[in-house]
Amino acid sequence: MTSKELTGLNLRVSFATANIKIALISSLITLRLSL
């Protein structure tokens, strides 16, 4: 693997984790609001 491929992979992974965090936070907020 080249360094370019590695950086692309890292970006994708960080993007995926960020999306998961956002989804978790938004679901927590909706839970709080519904309660």
N, C-alpha and C. Protein backbone atom coordinates (compact mmCIF):
# COMPACT_ATOMS: atom_id res chain seq x y z
N MET A 1 0.84 -1.21 0.00
CA MET A 1 0.00 0.00 0.00
C MET A 1 0.87 1.25 0.00
N THR A 2 0.46 2.23 -0.78
CA THR A 2 1.21 3.48 -0.81
C THR A 2 0.71 4.42 0.29
N SER A 3 1.48 5.45 0.55
CA SER A 3 1.09 6.41 1.60
C SER A 3 -0.21 7.12 1.23
N LYS A 4 -0.41 7.34 -0.07
CA LYS A 4 -1.65 7.99 -0.51
C LYS A 4 -2.85 7.12 -0.19
N GLU A 5 -2.73 5.83 -0.44
CA GLU A 5 -3.83 4.90 -0.13
C GLU A 5 -4.10 4.87 1.37
N LEU A 6 -3.02 4.90 2.15
CA LEU A 6 -3.17 4.87 3.61
C LEU A 6 -3.89 6.11 4.11
N THR A 7 -3.52 7.28 3.60
CA THR A 7 -4.17 8.52 4.04
C THR A 7 -5.64 8.51 3.64
N GLY A 8 -5.94 8.00 2.45
CA GLY A 8 -7.33 7.91 2.00
C GLY A 8 -8.13 7.00 2.92
N LEU A 9 -7.51 5.89 3.32
CA LEU A 9 -8.17 4.94 4.22
C LEU A 9 -8.41 5.59 5.57
N ASN A 10 -7.40 6.29 6.08
CA ASN A 10 -7.53 6.97 7.37
C ASN A 10 -8.65 8.01 7.33
N LEU A 11 -8.74 8.74 6.22
CA LEU A 11 -9.79 9.75 6.08
C LEU A 11 -11.17 9.10 6.09
N ARG A 12 -11.27 7.97 5.39
CA ARG A 12 -12.56 7.27 5.34
C ARG A 12 -12.96 6.76 6.71
N VAL A 13 -11.99 6.20 7.43
CA VAL A 13 -12.26 5.67 8.77
C VAL A 13 -12.68 6.78 9.72
N SER A 14 -11.95 7.90 9.69
CA SER A 14 -12.28 9.02 10.58
C SER A 14 -13.65 9.60 10.22
N PHE A 15 -13.96 9.64 8.92
CA PHE A 15 -15.26 10.14 8.48
C PHE A 15 -16.38 9.23 8.98
N ALA A 16 -16.15 7.92 8.90
CA ALA A 16 -17.15 6.94 9.36
C ALA A 16 -17.38 7.07 10.86
N THR A 17 -16.29 7.20 11.63
CA THR A 17 -16.43 7.33 13.08
C THR A 17 -17.14 8.62 13.44
N ALA A 18 -16.86 9.69 12.69
CA ALA A 18 -17.52 10.98 12.93
C ALA A 18 -19.02 10.85 12.67
N ASN A 19 -19.39 10.14 11.60
CA ASN A 19 -20.80 9.94 11.27
C ASN A 19 -21.51 9.14 12.37
N ILE A 20 -20.80 8.11 12.89
CA ILE A 20 -21.37 7.29 13.96
C ILE A 20 -21.59 8.13 15.21
N LYS A 21 -20.59 8.97 15.53
CA LYS A 21 -20.70 9.84 16.71
C LYS A 21 -21.88 10.80 16.56
N ILE A 22 -22.02 11.39 15.39
CA ILE A 22 -23.12 12.33 15.13
C ILE A 22 -24.47 11.62 15.28
N ALA A 23 -24.55 10.40 14.75
CA ALA A 23 -25.80 9.64 14.84
C ALA A 23 -26.13 9.31 16.30
N LEU A 24 -25.11 8.93 17.07
CA LEU A 24 -25.32 8.61 18.48
C LEU A 24 -25.78 9.83 19.25
N ILE A 25 -25.11 10.97 19.01
CA ILE A 25 -25.46 12.21 19.70
C ILE A 25 -26.89 12.63 19.37
N SER A 26 -27.25 12.56 18.09
CA SER A 26 -28.59 12.98 17.68
C SER A 26 -29.66 12.06 18.27
N SER A 27 -29.36 10.76 18.35
CA SER A 27 -30.32 9.82 18.94
C SER A 27 -30.47 10.07 20.44
N LEU A 28 -29.35 10.42 21.09
CA LEU A 28 -29.40 10.74 22.52
C LEU A 28 -30.25 11.99 22.75
N ILE A 29 -30.08 12.99 21.90
CA ILE A 29 -30.85 14.23 22.01
C ILE A 29 -32.34 13.95 21.82
N THR A 30 -32.67 13.13 20.83
CA THR A 30 -34.09 12.82 20.58
C THR A 30 -34.68 12.04 21.75
N LEU A 31 -33.86 11.16 22.35
CA LEU A 31 -34.32 10.41 23.52
C LEU A 31 -34.61 11.36 24.67
N ARG A 32 -33.70 12.31 24.89
CA ARG A 32 -33.87 13.29 25.97
C ARG A 32 -35.14 14.12 25.74
N LEU A 33 -35.36 14.51 24.49
CA LEU A 33 -36.53 15.34 24.17
C LEU A 33 -37.82 14.56 24.34
N SER A 34 -37.80 13.27 23.99
CA SER A 34 -39.01 12.46 24.09
C SER A 34 -39.35 12.16 25.55
N LEU A 35 -38.35 12.17 26.42
CA LEU A 35 -38.58 11.91 27.85
C LEU A 35 -39.06 13.14 28.58
